[in-house]
Amino acid sequence: FRRRFNLEKHIVTQVVNNLKSSGIRLVTVSLLTDNPKQYLEIASPTDGTSFGDVCNFVSTCAGAGLQVTCTTVERPDINVGKVRALSTALGATDFISYPYFP
């Protein structure tokens, strides 16, 4: 399922705990970039979700023991290596980059 989280940390923790208690063991998060400004440009969130919200969600999921896969797209303006490094630093266990088709 797909859901955007624009929530305070304690609410994110509650959501993650609910995911885990319902049997969900794996989440996939579109991290997109390692740059907050670029995240807003690419994702164009309409609900106020920030780059920090996405990073917080990844680290909270990983901290709760969920398997986290982060993804990005191999756009020319995205440094895939930096996105991979960030996803690892946040606790993601897997990383996938998809080809970019403009």
Protein backbone atom coordinates (compact mmCIF):
# COMPACT_ATOMS: atom_id res chain seq x y z
CA PHE A 1 0.00 0.00 0.00
CA ARG A 2 1.08 3.56 -0.53
CA ARG A 3 0.84 6.23 2.14
CA ARG A 4 2.53 9.54 2.78
CA PHE A 5 3.52 10.50 6.30
CA ASN A 6 3.64 14.13 7.37
CA LEU A 7 3.64 13.37 11.06
CA GLU A 8 5.49 14.14 14.24
CA LYS A 9 8.03 11.57 15.39
CA HIS A 10 5.83 10.07 18.12
CA ILE A 11 3.02 9.56 15.62
CA VAL A 12 5.42 8.01 13.10
CA THR A 13 6.56 5.63 15.84
CA GLN A 14 2.95 4.67 16.53
CA VAL A 15 2.27 4.11 12.82
CA VAL A 16 5.40 1.97 12.46
CA ASN A 17 4.46 -0.08 15.52
CA ASN A 18 0.98 -0.60 14.05
CA LEU A 19 2.50 -1.76 10.76
CA LYS A 20 4.73 -4.19 12.59
CA SER A 21 1.99 -5.54 14.86
CA SER A 22 -0.24 -6.12 11.83
CA GLY A 23 2.35 -8.44 10.36
CA ILE A 24 4.07 -6.12 7.91
CA ARG A 25 7.78 -6.93 7.84
CA LEU A 26 8.95 -5.02 4.75
CA VAL A 27 8.44 -1.44 3.65
CA THR A 28 9.68 0.24 0.49
CA VAL A 29 10.30 3.96 0.59
CA SER A 30 10.94 6.23 -2.37
CA LEU A 31 13.87 8.23 -1.00
CA LEU A 32 14.60 9.75 -4.44
CA THR A 33 17.58 11.94 -3.51
CA ASP A 34 20.00 12.90 -0.75
CA ASN A 35 19.10 16.59 -1.02
CA PRO A 36 16.08 18.17 0.75
CA LYS A 37 15.57 20.89 -1.87
CA GLN A 38 15.82 18.43 -4.73
CA TYR A 39 13.37 16.11 -2.95
CA LEU A 40 10.74 18.87 -2.95
CA GLU A 41 11.39 19.61 -6.63
CA ILE A 42 11.13 15.95 -7.70
CA ALA A 43 8.43 14.63 -5.37
CA SER A 44 6.30 17.79 -5.37
CA PRO A 45 4.45 16.64 -2.25
CA THR A 46 0.99 18.15 -1.97
CA ASP A 47 0.49 17.15 1.67
CA GLY A 48 3.49 18.93 3.17
CA THR A 49 5.66 15.83 3.43
CA SER A 50 9.28 16.91 3.73
CA PHE A 51 12.56 15.19 3.02
CA GLY A 52 13.09 15.02 6.80
CA ASP A 53 9.73 13.23 7.19
CA VAL A 54 10.82 10.58 4.69
CA CYS A 55 14.21 10.11 6.38
CA ASN A 56 12.52 9.92 9.79
CA PHE A 57 10.13 7.27 8.51
CA VAL A 58 13.00 5.17 7.11
CA SER A 59 15.01 5.33 10.33
CA THR A 60 11.97 4.66 12.53
CA CYS A 61 11.01 1.61 10.46
CA ALA A 62 14.56 0.29 10.55
CA GLY A 63 14.80 0.95 14.29
CA ALA A 64 11.62 -1.07 14.85
CA GLY A 65 13.14 -4.04 13.06
CA LEU A 66 11.29 -3.75 9.77
CA GLN A 67 13.18 -4.53 6.59
CA VAL A 68 13.43 -1.27 4.65
CA THR A 69 14.14 -0.93 0.96
CA CYS A 70 14.84 2.58 -0.33
CA THR A 71 14.49 3.44 -3.98
CA THR A 72 15.53 6.15 -6.39
CA VAL A 73 15.47 6.80 -10.11
CA GLU A 74 18.68 7.11 -12.11
CA ARG A 75 18.04 10.64 -13.30
CA PRO A 76 21.11 12.55 -14.54
CA ASP A 77 20.73 15.08 -11.70
CA ILE A 78 20.60 12.45 -8.92
CA ASN A 79 23.76 11.08 -7.35
CA VAL A 80 22.68 7.47 -6.88
CA GLY A 81 25.77 6.66 -4.79
CA LYS A 82 24.90 9.39 -2.29
CA VAL A 83 21.28 8.26 -2.11
CA ARG A 84 22.44 4.69 -1.48
CA ALA A 85 24.82 5.89 1.25
CA LEU A 86 22.05 7.91 2.90
CA SER A 87 19.64 4.97 2.81
CA THR A 88 22.26 2.77 4.48
CA ALA A 89 22.99 5.44 7.11
CA LEU A 90 19.25 5.63 7.86
CA GLY A 91 19.16 1.87 8.42
CA ALA A 92 17.71 0.58 5.17
CA THR A 93 18.64 -3.01 4.42
CA ASP A 94 18.18 -2.82 0.66
CA PHE A 95 18.45 -0.24 -2.08
CA ILE A 96 17.07 -0.25 -5.62
CA SER A 97 17.70 2.29 -8.36
CA TYR A 98 15.44 2.23 -11.36
CA PRO A 99 16.30 3.41 -14.89
CA TYR A 100 15.07 6.86 -15.77
CA PHE A 101 12.90 7.30 -18.82
CA PRO A 102 12.15 11.00 -19.40
